[in-house]
Protein backbone atom coordinates (compact mmCIF):
# COMPACT_ATOMS: atom_id res chain seq x y z
CA UNK A 1 -25.07 -40.07 -22.42
CA UNK A 2 -28.66 -40.13 -23.73
CA UNK A 3 -30.31 -37.49 -25.92
CA UNK A 4 -32.13 -35.93 -22.96
CA UNK A 5 -29.11 -35.39 -20.71
CA UNK A 6 -26.65 -34.36 -23.45
CA UNK A 7 -28.15 -30.88 -24.05
CA UNK A 8 -28.36 -30.31 -20.28
CA UNK A 9 -24.69 -31.23 -19.83
CA UNK A 10 -23.70 -28.93 -22.71
CA UNK A 11 -25.76 -26.11 -21.22
CA UNK A 12 -24.06 -26.54 -17.84
CA UNK A 13 -20.57 -26.48 -19.31
CA UNK A 14 -21.31 -23.57 -21.65
CA UNK A 15 -22.83 -21.49 -18.86
CA UNK A 16 -19.94 -22.21 -16.52
CA UNK A 17 -17.35 -21.22 -19.15
CA UNK A 18 -19.29 -18.07 -20.07
CA UNK A 19 -19.72 -16.92 -16.47
CA UNK A 20 -16.10 -17.78 -15.68
CA UNK A 21 -15.00 -15.68 -18.66
CA UNK A 22 -16.95 -12.68 -17.36
CA UNK A 23 -15.32 -13.00 -13.93
CA UNK A 24 -11.88 -13.22 -15.60
CA UNK A 25 -12.56 -10.16 -17.77
CA UNK A 26 -13.77 -8.11 -14.79
CA UNK A 27 -10.59 -8.96 -12.87
CA UNK A 28 -8.47 -8.15 -15.92
CA UNK A 29 -10.13 -4.76 -16.32
CA UNK A 30 -9.90 -3.74 -12.66
CA UNK A 31 -6.25 -4.79 -12.34
CA UNK A 32 -5.41 -2.92 -15.54
CA UNK A 33 -6.69 0.29 -13.94
CA UNK A 34 -4.95 -0.47 -10.64
CA UNK A 35 -1.62 -1.15 -12.37
CA UNK A 36 -1.57 2.36 -13.86
CA UNK A 37 -2.55 4.28 -10.71
CA UNK A 38 1.01 5.57 -10.09
CA UNK A 39 1.26 6.84 -13.69
CA UNK A 40 -2.11 8.57 -13.56
CA UNK A 41 -1.39 10.14 -10.16
CA UNK A 42 1.94 11.46 -11.47
CA UNK A 43 0.32 12.84 -14.62
CA UNK A 44 -2.32 14.64 -12.53
CA UNK A 45 0.36 16.09 -10.19
CA UNK A 46 -1.81 15.29 -7.16
CA UNK A 47 -0.66 15.03 -3.54
CA UNK A 48 -1.34 11.85 -1.58
CA UNK A 49 -4.24 13.52 0.23
CA UNK A 50 -5.79 14.81 -3.01
CA UNK A 51 -5.28 11.44 -4.67
CA UNK A 52 -7.01 9.71 -1.76
CA UNK A 53 -10.00 12.00 -2.23
CA UNK A 54 -10.09 11.17 -5.95
CA UNK A 55 -9.96 7.43 -5.26
CA UNK A 56 -13.01 7.73 -3.00
CA UNK A 57 -15.04 8.24 -6.20
CA UNK A 58 -14.75 4.53 -7.01
CA UNK A 59 -16.47 3.18 -3.85
CA UNK A 60 -18.94 6.08 -4.04
CA UNK A 61 -20.06 4.87 -7.46
CA UNK A 62 -20.15 1.32 -6.16
CA UNK A 63 -22.44 2.19 -3.27
CA UNK A 64 -24.74 4.22 -5.54
CA UNK A 65 -25.22 1.19 -7.79
CA UNK A 66 -26.34 -1.19 -5.04
CA UNK A 67 -30.03 -0.16 -4.79
CA UNK A 68 -30.19 0.42 -8.55
CA UNK A 69 -28.85 -3.04 -9.38
CA UNK A 70 -31.30 -4.81 -7.09
CA UNK A 71 -34.21 -2.97 -8.71
CA UNK A 72 -33.19 -3.20 -12.37
CA UNK A 73 -32.25 -6.88 -12.23
CA UNK A 74 -35.90 -7.70 -11.45
CA UNK A 75 -36.98 -5.74 -14.53
CA UNK A 76 -34.60 -6.96 -17.23
CA UNK A 77 -32.94 -10.03 -15.70
CA UNK A 78 -29.32 -10.67 -14.76
CA UNK A 79 -28.24 -11.62 -18.31
CA UNK A 80 -29.13 -8.24 -19.82
CA UNK A 81 -27.80 -6.34 -16.81
CA UNK A 82 -24.52 -8.29 -16.88
CA UNK A 83 -23.97 -7.60 -20.57
CA UNK A 84 -24.97 -3.92 -20.35
CA UNK A 85 -22.96 -3.22 -17.20
CA UNK A 86 -19.89 -5.12 -18.41
CA UNK A 87 -20.04 -3.27 -21.74
CA UNK A 88 -20.24 0.06 -19.89
CA UNK A 89 -17.38 -1.06 -17.62
CA UNK A 90 -15.18 -1.82 -20.63
CA UNK A 91 -15.94 1.52 -22.33
CA UNK A 92 -15.25 3.61 -19.23
CA UNK A 93 -11.76 2.15 -18.82
CA UNK A 94 -10.29 4.07 -21.81
CA UNK A 95 -12.13 7.13 -20.52
CA UNK A 96 -10.04 6.91 -17.35
CA UNK A 97 -6.95 6.93 -19.53
CA UNK A 98 -8.21 10.01 -21.40
CA UNK A 99 -9.04 12.04 -18.26
CA UNK A 100 -6.97 15.23 -18.14
CA UNK A 101 -8.25 16.80 -14.91
CA UNK A 102 -9.13 15.47 -11.44
CA UNK A 103 -12.79 16.33 -12.04
CA UNK A 104 -12.89 14.27 -15.26
CA UNK A 105 -11.17 11.39 -13.47
CA UNK A 106 -13.65 11.52 -10.58
CA UNK A 107 -16.59 11.31 -13.01
CA UNK A 108 -14.98 8.35 -14.78
CA UNK A 109 -14.26 6.54 -11.49
CA UNK A 110 -17.80 7.04 -10.21
CA UNK A 111 -19.10 5.48 -13.45
CA UNK A 112 -16.44 2.77 -13.27
CA UNK A 113 -17.48 1.84 -9.73
CA UNK A 114 -21.19 2.05 -10.60
CA UNK A 115 -20.99 -0.20 -13.67
CA UNK A 116 -18.48 -2.54 -12.05
CA UNK A 117 -20.70 -3.29 -9.09
CA UNK A 118 -23.85 -3.60 -11.21
CA UNK A 119 -21.93 -6.16 -13.27
CA UNK A 120 -20.73 -7.85 -10.08
CA UNK A 121 -24.26 -8.42 -8.80
CA UNK A 122 -25.54 -9.57 -12.19
CA UNK A 123 -22.62 -11.92 -12.88
CA UNK A 124 -22.85 -13.41 -9.38
CA UNK A 125 -26.55 -14.01 -10.05
CA UNK A 126 -25.50 -15.88 -13.20
CA UNK A 127 -22.97 -17.82 -11.13
CA UNK A 128 -25.70 -18.89 -8.71
CA UNK A 129 -27.76 -20.13 -11.67
CA UNK A 130 -24.76 -22.18 -12.84
CA UNK A 131 -24.23 -23.53 -9.33
CA UNK A 132 -27.87 -24.66 -9.18
CA UNK A 133 -27.42 -26.53 -12.47
CA UNK A 134 -24.37 -28.32 -11.11
CA UNK A 135 -26.01 -29.06 -7.77
CA UNK A 136 -22.77 -28.44 -5.84
CA UNK A 137 -20.66 -25.44 -4.74
CA UNK A 138 -18.71 -23.86 -7.62
CA UNK A 139 -18.96 -20.20 -6.63
CA UNK A 140 -15.47 -19.87 -5.16
CA UNK A 141 -13.87 -21.06 -8.41
CA UNK A 142 -15.60 -18.20 -10.26
CA UNK A 143 -14.11 -15.72 -7.80
CA UNK A 144 -10.80 -17.49 -8.28
CA UNK A 145 -11.03 -16.69 -11.99
CA UNK A 146 -11.49 -13.02 -11.06
CA UNK A 147 -8.17 -13.32 -9.23
CA UNK A 148 -6.58 -14.98 -12.28
CA UNK A 149 -7.81 -12.06 -14.36
CA UNK A 150 -6.34 -9.72 -11.75
CA UNK A 151 -2.93 -11.37 -11.98
CA UNK A 152 -3.11 -11.25 -15.79
CA UNK A 153 -4.09 -7.57 -15.69
CA UNK A 154 -1.21 -6.76 -13.38
CA UNK A 155 1.18 -8.63 -15.68
CA UNK A 156 -0.07 -6.80 -18.77
CA UNK A 157 0.25 -3.54 -16.86
CA UNK A 158 3.89 -4.25 -16.04
CA UNK A 159 4.53 -5.04 -19.73
CA UNK A 160 2.81 -1.83 -20.88
CA UNK A 161 4.74 0.30 -18.39
CA UNK A 162 8.04 -1.32 -19.39
CA UNK A 163 7.35 -0.40 -23.03
CA UNK A 164 6.28 3.18 -22.16
CA UNK A 165 2.75 2.68 -23.48
CA UNK A 166 0.43 5.32 -22.06
CA UNK A 167 -2.65 4.32 -20.00
CA UNK A 168 -5.14 5.27 -22.74
CA UNK A 169 -3.65 2.94 -25.37
CA UNK A 170 -3.18 0.24 -22.73
CA UNK A 171 -6.84 0.52 -21.72
CA UNK A 172 -8.02 0.49 -25.35
CA UNK A 173 -6.39 -2.94 -25.79
CA UNK A 174 -8.06 -4.27 -22.63
CA UNK A 175 -11.41 -2.76 -23.62
CA UNK A 176 -11.27 -4.40 -27.07
CA UNK A 177 -10.47 -7.79 -25.50
CA UNK A 178 -13.33 -7.29 -23.04
CA UNK A 179 -15.88 -6.50 -25.78
CA UNK A 180 -14.77 -9.51 -27.84
CA UNK A 181 -15.24 -11.67 -24.74
CA UNK A 182 -18.75 -10.30 -24.20
CA UNK A 183 -19.71 -11.05 -27.80
CA UNK A 184 -18.42 -14.63 -27.54
CA UNK A 185 -20.14 -15.40 -24.23
CA UNK A 186 -23.46 -13.53 -24.55
CA UNK A 187 -25.54 -16.33 -26.07
CA UNK A 188 -24.46 -18.85 -23.41
CA UNK A 189 -25.61 -16.88 -20.38
CA UNK A 190 -28.71 -17.90 -18.43
CA UNK A 191 -31.86 -15.99 -19.42
CA UNK A 192 -33.77 -15.35 -16.20
CA UNK A 193 -36.29 -12.81 -17.46
CA UNK A 194 -39.96 -13.36 -16.76
CA UNK A 195 -41.99 -13.60 -13.54
CA UNK A 196 -40.14 -14.90 -10.50
CA UNK A 197 -41.79 -17.28 -8.00
CA UNK A 198 -40.05 -15.29 -5.27
CA UNK A 199 -40.94 -11.69 -4.42
CA UNK A 200 -38.94 -8.88 -6.01
CA UNK A 201 -40.35 -6.49 -3.42
CA UNK A 202 -41.57 -3.96 -6.01
CA UNK A 203 -45.09 -3.60 -4.63
CA UNK A 204 -44.23 -3.90 -0.94
CA UNK A 205 -44.00 -1.26 1.76
CA UNK A 206 -40.64 -0.43 3.34
CA UNK A 207 -41.60 -2.37 6.49
CA UNK A 208 -42.50 -5.44 4.42
CA UNK A 209 -39.22 -5.21 2.51
CA UNK A 210 -37.26 -5.04 5.76
CA UNK A 211 -39.12 -8.09 7.03
CA UNK A 212 -38.24 -10.04 3.87
CA UNK A 213 -34.60 -8.97 4.18
CA UNK A 214 -34.28 -10.02 7.84
CA UNK A 215 -33.13 -13.61 7.13
CA UNK A 216 -30.32 -12.17 4.98
CA UNK A 217 -28.87 -9.94 7.70
CA UNK A 218 -26.61 -12.66 9.23
CA UNK A 219 -25.16 -13.34 5.77
CA UNK A 220 -24.58 -9.61 5.31
CA UNK A 221 -22.85 -9.44 8.70
CA UNK A 222 -20.55 -12.32 7.76
CA UNK A 223 -19.69 -10.57 4.49
CA UNK A 224 -19.15 -7.28 6.36
CA UNK A 225 -16.70 -8.87 8.82
CA UNK A 226 -14.79 -10.56 6.00
CA UNK A 227 -14.62 -7.42 3.89
CA UNK A 228 -13.31 -5.41 6.84
CA UNK A 229 -10.48 -7.96 7.03
CA UNK A 230 -9.94 -7.90 3.25
CA UNK A 231 -9.89 -4.12 3.08
CA UNK A 232 -7.40 -4.01 5.95
CA UNK A 233 -5.08 -6.46 4.22
CA UNK A 234 -5.26 -4.62 0.90
CA UNK A 235 -4.50 -1.20 2.38
CA UNK A 236 -2.47 -1.86 5.54
CA UNK A 237 -0.51 -5.11 5.21
CA UNK A 238 2.50 -3.39 3.62
CA UNK A 239 2.47 -0.67 6.29
CA UNK A 240 2.22 -3.32 9.03
CA UNK A 241 5.30 -5.10 7.69
CA UNK A 242 7.15 -1.80 7.50
CA UNK A 243 6.17 -0.18 10.80
CA UNK A 244 5.45 -3.12 13.13
CA UNK A 245 7.39 -6.07 11.72
CA UNK A 246 10.25 -3.75 10.67
CA UNK A 247 10.95 -5.90 7.61
CA UNK A 248 13.78 -4.83 5.29
CA UNK A 249 12.55 -2.57 2.47
CA UNK A 250 12.78 -5.25 -0.28
CA UNK A 251 10.66 -7.63 1.83
CA UNK A 252 7.93 -5.27 3.02
CA UNK A 253 5.58 -6.34 0.24
CA UNK A 254 5.80 -10.03 1.09
CA UNK A 255 3.04 -9.83 3.68
CA UNK A 256 0.53 -8.67 1.08
CA UNK A 257 1.93 -11.13 -1.49
CA UNK A 258 1.52 -14.06 0.90
CA UNK A 259 -2.04 -12.99 1.69
CA UNK A 260 -2.91 -12.73 -2.01
CA UNK A 261 -1.28 -16.08 -2.80
CA UNK A 262 -3.35 -18.13 -0.34
CA UNK A 263 -6.47 -16.10 -1.14
CA UNK A 264 -6.01 -16.93 -4.83
CA UNK A 265 -5.18 -20.63 -4.39
CA UNK A 266 -7.80 -21.13 -1.67
CA UNK A 267 -10.64 -20.16 -3.99
CA UNK A 268 -9.96 -23.21 -6.15
CA UNK A 269 -9.97 -25.48 -3.09
CA UNK A 270 -12.94 -23.97 -1.22
CA UNK A 271 -15.65 -25.43 -3.49
CA UNK A 272 -14.47 -28.99 -2.89
CA UNK A 273 -14.26 -28.36 0.85
CA UNK A 274 -17.76 -26.86 0.92
CA UNK A 275 -19.15 -29.75 -1.14
CA UNK A 276 -17.75 -32.23 1.35
CA UNK A 277 -18.33 -30.42 4.64
CA UNK A 278 -21.06 -27.86 3.85
CA UNK A 279 -21.25 -24.06 3.78
CA UNK A 280 -21.53 -23.71 7.56
CA UNK A 281 -18.34 -25.67 8.29
CA UNK A 282 -16.51 -23.85 5.50
CA UNK A 283 -17.40 -20.44 6.96
CA UNK A 284 -16.55 -21.60 10.48
CA UNK A 285 -13.08 -22.72 9.37
CA UNK A 286 -12.67 -19.49 7.38
CA UNK A 287 -13.44 -17.38 10.44
CA UNK A 288 -11.02 -19.33 12.62
CA UNK A 289 -8.23 -19.10 10.04
CA UNK A 290 -8.77 -15.35 9.60
CA UNK A 291 -8.91 -14.59 13.32
CA UNK A 292 -6.00 -16.84 14.29
CA UNK A 293 -3.84 -15.54 11.43
CA UNK A 294 -4.32 -11.93 12.52
CA UNK A 295 -3.73 -12.81 16.18
CA UNK A 296 -0.47 -14.56 15.30
CA UNK A 297 0.70 -11.48 13.42
CA UNK A 298 -0.28 -9.26 16.40
CA UNK A 299 1.11 -11.41 19.21
CA UNK A 300 4.30 -12.38 17.36
CA UNK A 301 5.17 -9.39 15.16
CA UNK A 302 8.29 -10.94 13.67
CA UNK A 303 8.96 -11.54 10.00
CA UNK A 304 8.30 -15.28 9.69
CA UNK A 305 5.46 -15.47 12.21
CA UNK A 306 3.72 -12.44 10.70
CA UNK A 307 4.21 -13.96 7.25
CA UNK A 308 2.61 -17.22 8.45
CA UNK A 309 -0.24 -15.23 9.99
CA UNK A 310 -0.94 -13.38 6.75
CA UNK A 311 -0.90 -16.68 4.84
CA UNK A 312 -3.63 -17.93 7.19
CA UNK A 313 -5.66 -14.73 6.73
CA UNK A 314 -5.62 -15.20 2.94
CA UNK A 315 -6.72 -18.82 3.33
CA UNK A 316 -9.48 -17.65 5.68
CA UNK A 317 -11.08 -14.82 3.72
CA UNK A 318 -10.76 -16.46 0.29
CA UNK A 319 -14.03 -18.38 0.49
CA UNK A 320 -16.21 -16.18 2.70
CA UNK A 321 -17.79 -13.86 0.11
CA UNK A 322 -18.29 -16.63 -2.51
CA UNK A 323 -19.90 -18.89 0.11
CA UNK A 324 -22.09 -16.07 1.42
CA UNK A 325 -23.26 -15.33 -2.13
CA UNK A 326 -23.96 -19.03 -2.64
CA UNK A 327 -26.08 -19.11 0.53
CA UNK A 328 -27.83 -15.89 -0.53
CA UNK A 329 -28.90 -17.60 -3.76
CA UNK A 330 -31.00 -19.99 -1.65
CA UNK A 331 -33.18 -17.18 -0.28
CA UNK A 332 -36.84 -18.20 -0.02
CA UNK A 333 -38.15 -14.67 0.52
CA UNK A 334 -36.44 -12.59 -2.20
CA UNK A 335 -35.29 -13.11 -5.79
CA UNK A 336 -31.59 -13.86 -6.22
CA UNK A 337 -30.62 -10.47 -7.66
CA UNK A 338 -32.44 -8.48 -4.97
CA UNK A 339 -31.06 -10.73 -2.20
CA UNK A 340 -27.52 -10.28 -3.53
CA UNK A 341 -27.91 -6.50 -3.58
CA UNK A 342 -29.02 -6.55 0.08
CA UNK A 343 -26.10 -8.71 1.21
CA UNK A 344 -23.62 -6.80 -0.98
CA UNK A 345 -24.77 -3.48 0.49
CA UNK A 346 -24.07 -4.66 4.04
CA UNK A 347 -20.81 -6.35 3.05
CA UNK A 348 -19.31 -3.46 1.10
CA UNK A 349 -19.86 -1.14 4.06
CA UNK A 350 -17.14 -3.21 5.73
CA UNK A 351 -14.83 -2.78 2.74
CA UNK A 352 -15.28 1.00 2.95
CA UNK A 353 -15.19 1.34 6.75
CA UNK A 354 -12.37 -1.12 7.51
CA UNK A 355 -9.27 0.74 6.24
CA UNK A 356 -10.23 4.16 7.73
CA UNK A 357 -11.12 2.41 11.02
CA UNK A 358 -7.63 0.91 11.13
CA UNK A 359 -6.09 4.34 10.70
CA UNK A 360 -8.32 5.87 13.38
CA UNK A 361 -7.51 3.20 15.98
CA UNK A 362 -3.83 3.25 15.07
CA UNK A 363 -3.84 6.99 15.69
CA UNK A 364 -5.46 6.55 19.11
CA UNK A 365 -3.41 3.51 20.13
CA UNK A 366 -1.08 1.47 17.88
CA UNK A 367 -1.26 -0.37 14.57
CA UNK A 368 -0.98 -3.66 16.46
CA UNK A 369 -4.03 -2.73 18.50
CA UNK A 370 -6.04 -1.99 15.38
CA UNK A 371 -5.06 -5.34 13.83
CA UNK A 372 -6.11 -7.04 17.07
CA UNK A 373 -9.57 -5.53 16.66
CA UNK A 374 -9.72 -6.80 13.06
CA UNK A 375 -8.90 -10.27 14.43
CA UNK A 376 -12.20 -10.01 16.32
CA UNK A 377 -13.94 -9.64 12.94
CA UNK A 378 -12.51 -13.02 11.92
CA UNK A 379 -13.76 -14.65 15.12
CA UNK A 380 -17.14 -12.99 14.51
CA UNK A 381 -17.37 -14.81 11.16
CA UNK A 382 -17.10 -18.09 13.09
CA UNK A 383 -19.66 -17.06 15.71
CA UNK A 384 -22.29 -15.72 13.29
CA UNK A 385 -21.94 -18.64 10.87
CA UNK A 386 -22.31 -21.07 13.79
CA UNK A 387 -25.61 -19.48 14.76
CA UNK A 388 -26.94 -19.20 11.17
CA UNK A 389 -28.74 -21.93 9.24
CA UNK A 390 -26.69 -22.15 6.03
CA UNK A 391 -26.96 -25.64 4.58
CA UNK A 392 -30.72 -26.07 4.32
């Protein structure tokens, strides 16, 4: 390797490791909170309905951050936003453990959702910069590292609970690890401050902004359909195995476990598939796997067939959001950070709307009928990606 290419190669590797570490830490932090939800609910003495209302604070904070993140990333760059938002994210976690009343917890969760999504947009912008350096798809592997962090966070949570360590002290440990990680990775992140050759939309009218965002709408729709499916699997897969599949109590969690397993493993395979066959083909296959998996579970609601269906759903949705973000990074009308905020806004609507929609349809008809409708979302991923120019 000559003296010109050696620094470039080192920069690529350092950036990839640094960005991967931030994804891992974000997953670790979120799973740490999720692992202690039962303890915190019990401490607060809240009913299921009241707890559901409290939990809505997290997506509320997330949605509030979307327009803010797109604006601020054009002012200070994704590196500074990533570090600031991740630092805030790590500090709020112990605050959740300290909350003594539902009101305090709601405030903490709004801030947790706000900072977490600001960090998500900034870190994904960094990931796109790394992907451009490599000249091939690597986005899905970053999201896979978030899942690794999630598994690690869940494992640490189990260990903390087993040793009767309260959430505050648990979260202090995670926060300290997070801050150390930020310090170690900060200097290796990509500095994208300065004027962008692509519009940030700051001086444009609303009509002009909408016109610039139009090419991104199909990507947002693909993300929306996928996140409806993801949200459904997160919130309803266990109930489906209990009520529809009638699985024995010890096995009712296997549907969700199978979904998470293929979603996790698939993210480390998706980049190679996309590199070989392209983003369009990857999204087409993802849509078909998602739709067919859900249809199998609906048409054949028996233990092994439903399990196979949920495995296919995990394999299908695993690559959709990473690939959509990768395609968003190629926008020729908007800067990467602003484009990501547009697509994320559309996509996360699906994550919020999906689970309540399932409950509404299940109330009017049956849970199988609602899952059949979600299968249509998977097929829609195939249709929209087929009609969208993704690989240019």
